[in-house]
Every structure is written in C-alpha cells, then in structure tokens.
C-alpha cells in the first residue's frame, strides 16, 4: 500500500528552483533515503511534505489525501501519523522541563491516540514505556536537557517521535551532530524500531553510508532535481550517476 506519494512537485524561491518536478513514493513499512549535499533541496522537500512550505505545482498525497489541501482539524489529524526527528534534538526539547514532559507532548495533544495506545497509563508511565523502547532508564527521564549527552538527547527525541506510533517518521539528519560511535548506536536503534513498529521512514541525509544501512531504496537529489532512484543493494553498481559516485567517494562506502 502506498503511504506517501510525491507527484511532480516544484518549488521556487524567487527565480531559483529549490525543487524541480520531483516524484517518488513510499510504501507502508518501507524506508526511503533521500541523499544530497547542502543546497540539493532536502530541507525544502521535508518542509513541503509537512505543509510548512507551499509548493508551486504538483501534489503530495498521504493516504490518498492531498496534504496541501488539508485545513484545520484535517491538517491537525495528519500529524498523528507523520512525525519528524530533527538533526538537533535540543530543538524539540524544552530546556525548562524534565525531558519526560517533552517526550509525551505529542501524545498529550492527541488524547484519542493516547487512549488507544496507552489505556489507563499516566503520562509519566507512558514516558517510561517509550523511554525503555529507545534505551533510556527511568533516571534519565527526570533530568533536564542540559544534563544529558547528545546521544541521550537524540534518544529522547526519537521517543517523542514514536510515542504516537506514526505511520511515517521523517528523519532529518538524525545522526550528523553525534560522535561516530554514537551514530552507529542510533542507527541500530532506528533499524530495530522500524521493524518493531512497522513504521515507514523517510531518511534525509548527506551520509550515503547511513542511508544505505537503514533504507530499502535511495533517491539522489542535486540542485533540486531527482537524479536517480535505486535499491540500497545497488549503490555500488557501475551504472550509478556520476554525482552519486561522488557521494560514495565522500562517504567511503
């Protein structure tokens, strides 16, 4: 079943094209990686899918609903099933609150989903349950963001993202700000969660190695254009685009 369908979308900033006739789809339970250097259009693509940016042409369908035509309650309902994990975990954490309160903010905003997923559990018990899924101990939950390491904060951010059991999780460079050893741990965690929750991933990154590890298929963006799409197993095939080969050299696959 097709979960997300991006149909021929284009977006300009003035006369500068940020996205140029981009099309792809994501099926339920699969992971698609989007790779490209800075300026390739990755951030604009994410904002367009989240309806944070308008598009000049094309359509973005989630469960056959045109995201950019949704308003009010319909648009709010969308965010039960699409969540994002940011590059900087601190951006989703309130510095004045213990992290468990930030973790359960999404679920507290959608009481019907809370009652379905976590019947009779308090918000703190939900935080403990979701925290355990991402490898956090109860003692971590009552700490403030500045008291946690970068890897621990990213685990909190992931817990926040999965608390609603979304059907699509957008990963925006989730490991790029972490030490290499911690990056590997977070990627392993995400792979495990994908299998456990059967959530679809849209993994946006400049790191082709990380994308190859986590995703079933990969699309390559350059200057707002989609150059090619291929299976993660086919990264090293000779027919890859020259730009893709350049990314491969940069990430030492």
Protein backbone atom coordinates (compact mmCIF):
# COMPACT_ATOMS: atom_id res chain seq x y z
CA UNK A 1 0.00 0.00 0.00
CA UNK A 2 1.33 3.43 -0.95
CA UNK A 3 1.63 5.64 2.12
CA UNK A 4 3.19 8.81 0.70
CA UNK A 5 3.12 9.86 -2.94
CA UNK A 6 5.01 12.92 -4.17
CA UNK A 7 3.78 13.82 -7.64
CA UNK A 8 5.76 16.19 -9.86
CA UNK A 9 6.26 18.86 -7.21
CA UNK A 10 8.15 22.07 -7.92
CA UNK A 11 9.06 24.91 -5.61
CA UNK A 12 10.90 28.15 -6.37
CA UNK A 13 12.43 30.81 -4.15
CA UNK A 14 12.09 33.82 -6.40
CA UNK A 15 13.54 32.65 -9.71
CA UNK A 16 15.69 30.00 -8.05
CA UNK A 17 14.27 26.46 -8.30
CA UNK A 18 14.52 24.60 -4.99
CA UNK A 19 12.58 21.53 -6.18
CA UNK A 20 12.17 20.74 -9.87
CA UNK A 21 9.49 18.22 -10.86
CA UNK A 22 10.20 15.75 -8.02
CA UNK A 23 8.28 12.46 -7.89
CA UNK A 24 8.60 9.40 -5.65
CA UNK A 25 6.50 7.23 -3.36
CA UNK A 26 6.91 5.34 -0.09
CA UNK A 27 5.05 2.11 0.60
CA UNK A 28 3.80 1.13 4.04
CA UNK A 29 6.53 -0.38 6.22
CA UNK A 30 9.43 0.62 3.96
CA UNK A 31 12.26 3.13 4.32
CA UNK A 32 13.30 5.57 1.60
CA UNK A 33 16.52 7.54 1.82
CA UNK A 34 16.98 10.97 0.25
CA UNK A 35 20.62 11.95 -0.18
CA UNK A 36 22.31 15.05 -1.48
CA UNK A 37 24.71 17.79 -0.48
CA UNK A 38 23.74 21.08 1.14
CA UNK A 39 21.55 23.03 -1.27
CA UNK A 40 20.20 19.95 -3.01
CA UNK A 41 16.62 20.61 -1.86
CA UNK A 42 16.40 18.16 1.05
CA UNK A 43 15.17 20.68 3.63
CA UNK A 44 12.64 22.20 1.24
CA UNK A 45 11.33 18.72 0.49
CA UNK A 46 10.78 17.99 4.19
CA UNK A 47 9.03 21.32 4.75
CA UNK A 48 6.83 20.70 1.72
CA UNK A 49 5.78 17.25 2.95
CA UNK A 50 4.95 18.71 6.37
CA UNK A 51 2.99 21.52 4.67
CA UNK A 52 5.32 24.07 6.25
CA UNK A 53 6.17 25.36 2.76
CA UNK A 54 3.80 25.87 -0.15
CA UNK A 55 4.57 24.23 -3.49
CA UNK A 56 4.10 25.88 -6.87
CA UNK A 57 2.96 22.78 -8.73
CA UNK A 58 2.32 19.09 -8.19
CA UNK A 59 0.72 17.17 -5.34
CA UNK A 60 1.78 15.45 -2.12
CA UNK A 61 -0.60 12.66 -1.12
CA UNK A 62 -0.60 10.94 2.25
CA UNK A 63 -3.03 8.02 2.38
CA UNK A 64 -4.57 9.47 -0.80
CA UNK A 65 -5.22 12.85 0.83
CA UNK A 66 -3.64 15.92 -0.75
CA UNK A 67 -1.64 17.34 2.16
CA UNK A 68 -1.67 20.89 0.79
CA UNK A 69 -5.46 20.93 0.58
CA UNK A 70 -5.99 19.95 4.21
CA UNK A 71 -7.07 22.64 6.66
CA UNK A 72 -7.93 22.96 10.32
CA UNK A 73 -8.83 19.70 12.03
CA UNK A 74 -7.96 17.60 8.96
CA UNK A 75 -4.46 19.05 8.86
CA UNK A 76 -4.04 18.55 12.60
CA UNK A 77 -5.08 14.91 12.26
CA UNK A 78 -2.27 14.44 9.75
CA UNK A 79 0.33 14.94 12.46
CA UNK A 80 -0.85 11.89 14.35
CA UNK A 81 0.64 9.82 11.56
CA UNK A 82 3.58 11.94 10.40
CA UNK A 83 6.28 12.85 12.91
CA UNK A 84 9.79 14.21 12.47
CA UNK A 85 13.10 13.69 14.27
CA UNK A 86 15.39 16.66 13.82
CA UNK A 87 19.15 16.89 13.37
CA UNK A 88 19.48 18.86 16.61
CA UNK A 89 17.49 17.05 19.33
CA UNK A 90 17.55 20.15 21.52
CA UNK A 91 15.19 21.86 19.07
CA UNK A 92 12.34 19.61 20.22
CA UNK A 93 13.14 19.74 23.95
CA UNK A 94 12.03 22.44 26.36
CA UNK A 95 15.08 23.46 28.38
CA UNK A 96 12.88 24.40 31.35
CA UNK A 97 11.19 21.00 31.67
CA UNK A 98 12.41 17.50 32.58
CA UNK A 99 12.75 15.57 29.35
CA UNK A 100 9.90 13.16 30.06
CA UNK A 101 7.43 16.02 29.65
CA UNK A 102 8.81 16.80 26.19
CA UNK A 103 8.66 13.10 25.31
CA UNK A 104 4.92 12.86 25.94
CA UNK A 105 3.92 16.23 24.50
CA UNK A 106 2.71 14.72 21.18
CA UNK A 107 0.62 12.03 22.87
CA UNK A 108 -0.86 14.55 25.32
CA UNK A 109 -2.02 16.63 22.33
CA UNK A 110 -3.96 13.69 20.86
CA UNK A 111 -5.97 12.17 23.69
CA UNK A 112 -7.81 9.71 21.42
CA UNK A 113 -4.50 8.18 20.32
CA UNK A 114 -3.37 8.08 23.96
CA UNK A 115 -6.50 6.17 24.98
CA UNK A 116 -5.97 3.69 22.14
CA UNK A 117 -2.24 3.09 22.59
CA UNK A 118 -1.83 3.56 26.32
CA UNK A 119 -5.15 2.87 28.09
CA UNK A 120 -5.09 3.70 31.81
CA UNK A 121 -1.44 4.81 31.79
CA UNK A 122 -0.35 8.15 33.25
CA UNK A 123 1.80 10.40 31.08
CA UNK A 124 4.86 9.55 33.17
CA UNK A 125 4.18 5.83 32.77
CA UNK A 126 3.92 6.39 29.01
CA UNK A 127 7.29 8.17 29.12
CA UNK A 128 8.78 5.18 30.96
CA UNK A 129 7.33 2.76 28.40
CA UNK A 130 8.51 4.71 25.36
CA UNK A 131 11.81 5.57 27.02
CA UNK A 132 12.52 1.88 27.54
CA UNK A 133 11.95 1.29 23.81
CA UNK A 134 14.79 3.69 22.99
CA UNK A 135 17.17 2.52 25.71
CA UNK A 136 16.59 5.23 28.31
CA UNK A 137 16.48 4.43 32.01
CA UNK A 138 13.88 5.93 34.33
CA UNK A 139 16.59 8.06 35.94
CA UNK A 140 17.15 9.82 32.60
CA UNK A 141 13.52 10.91 32.32
CA UNK A 142 13.58 13.35 35.22
CA UNK A 143 16.73 15.10 34.02
CA UNK A 144 16.78 18.37 32.07
CA UNK A 145 18.18 18.54 28.52
CA UNK A 146 21.48 20.12 29.61
CA UNK A 147 22.10 17.16 31.93
CA UNK A 148 22.04 14.60 29.10
CA UNK A 149 24.63 13.70 26.47
CA UNK A 150 23.98 14.31 22.78
CA UNK A 151 23.16 10.65 22.22
CA UNK A 152 20.76 10.57 25.17
CA UNK A 153 19.00 13.70 23.92
CA UNK A 154 18.59 12.12 20.50
CA UNK A 155 17.05 9.06 22.14
CA UNK A 156 14.59 11.37 23.90
CA UNK A 157 13.79 12.98 20.55
CA UNK A 158 13.23 9.56 18.98
CA UNK A 159 10.98 8.52 21.87
CA UNK A 160 8.97 11.69 21.33
CA UNK A 161 8.71 10.92 17.62
CA UNK A 162 7.48 7.34 18.06
CA UNK A 163 5.14 7.99 21.00
CA UNK A 164 2.14 8.33 18.67
CA UNK A 165 3.17 5.25 16.65
CA UNK A 166 3.12 7.35 13.46
CA UNK A 167 2.81 5.64 10.10
CA UNK A 168 5.59 7.84 8.67
CA UNK A 169 8.66 9.03 10.55
CA UNK A 170 10.76 11.69 8.85
CA UNK A 171 14.42 11.56 9.91
CA UNK A 172 16.21 14.83 9.19
CA UNK A 173 19.96 14.12 9.51
CA UNK A 174 19.34 12.44 12.90
CA UNK A 175 22.94 11.34 13.45
CA UNK A 176 25.04 14.07 11.84
CA UNK A 177 25.64 16.02 15.08
CA UNK A 178 26.75 12.92 17.02
CA UNK A 179 30.11 11.21 17.54
CA UNK A 180 30.76 8.33 15.15
CA UNK A 181 30.34 5.62 17.80
CA UNK A 182 27.02 7.14 18.94
CA UNK A 183 25.87 7.45 15.33
CA UNK A 184 26.14 3.69 14.93
CA UNK A 185 24.11 3.09 18.10
CA UNK A 186 21.33 5.43 16.97
CA UNK A 187 21.18 3.84 13.52
CA UNK A 188 20.90 0.39 15.09
CA UNK A 189 18.12 1.67 17.35
CA UNK A 190 16.21 3.17 14.42
CA UNK A 191 16.51 -0.05 12.44
CA UNK A 192 15.16 -2.03 15.39
CA UNK A 193 12.25 0.40 15.90
CA UNK A 194 11.32 0.27 12.23
CA UNK A 195 10.95 -3.49 12.47
CA UNK A 196 9.14 -3.39 15.82
CA UNK A 197 6.66 -0.63 14.97
CA UNK A 198 6.32 -1.31 11.22
CA UNK A 199 6.71 2.43 10.68
CA UNK A 200 7.75 3.83 7.30
CA UNK A 201 10.84 6.06 7.23
CA UNK A 202 11.84 8.99 5.07
CA UNK A 203 15.52 9.36 5.95
CA UNK A 204 17.06 12.59 4.67
CA UNK A 205 20.84 12.84 4.88
CA UNK A 206 24.09 13.69 3.15
CA UNK A 207 25.56 10.44 4.53
CA UNK A 208 25.06 7.70 1.96
CA UNK A 209 26.54 5.06 4.27
CA UNK A 210 23.92 5.69 6.96
CA UNK A 211 21.11 5.82 4.40
CA UNK A 212 22.25 2.58 2.80
CA UNK A 213 22.24 0.85 6.20
CA UNK A 214 18.73 1.94 7.17
CA UNK A 215 16.79 2.21 3.91
CA UNK A 216 15.34 -0.11 1.31
CA UNK A 217 15.64 2.39 -1.54
CA UNK A 218 17.51 5.63 -2.15
CA UNK A 219 16.81 8.74 -4.21
CA UNK A 220 19.55 11.22 -5.05
CA UNK A 221 18.89 14.97 -5.21
CA UNK A 222 21.12 17.59 -6.76
CA UNK A 223 20.18 21.26 -7.11
CA UNK A 224 16.51 20.43 -6.70
CA UNK A 225 16.44 17.66 -9.29
CA UNK A 226 15.95 13.95 -8.65
CA UNK A 227 18.84 12.28 -10.46
CA UNK A 228 18.07 8.61 -9.81
CA UNK A 229 16.34 6.08 -7.59
CA UNK A 230 17.73 2.65 -6.82
CA UNK A 231 17.71 -0.20 -4.30
CA UNK A 232 20.15 0.11 -1.41
CA UNK A 233 21.70 -3.15 -2.60
CA UNK A 234 22.61 -1.46 -5.89
CA UNK A 235 24.57 1.51 -4.53
CA UNK A 236 27.90 0.34 -5.95
CA UNK A 237 26.69 -0.67 -9.41
CA UNK A 238 28.62 0.81 -12.30
CA UNK A 239 25.56 2.49 -13.85
CA UNK A 240 25.19 4.89 -10.92
CA UNK A 241 25.13 8.59 -11.84
CA UNK A 242 28.50 10.38 -11.63
CA UNK A 243 27.17 12.58 -8.82
CA UNK A 244 26.13 9.50 -6.83
CA UNK A 245 29.62 8.07 -7.32
CA UNK A 246 31.00 11.34 -5.95
CA UNK A 247 28.83 10.99 -2.83
CA UNK A 248 30.05 7.40 -2.48
CA UNK A 249 33.67 8.59 -2.52
CA UNK A 250 32.92 11.23 0.12
CA UNK A 251 31.34 8.70 2.49
CA UNK A 252 33.82 5.88 1.82
CA UNK A 253 31.29 3.09 1.33
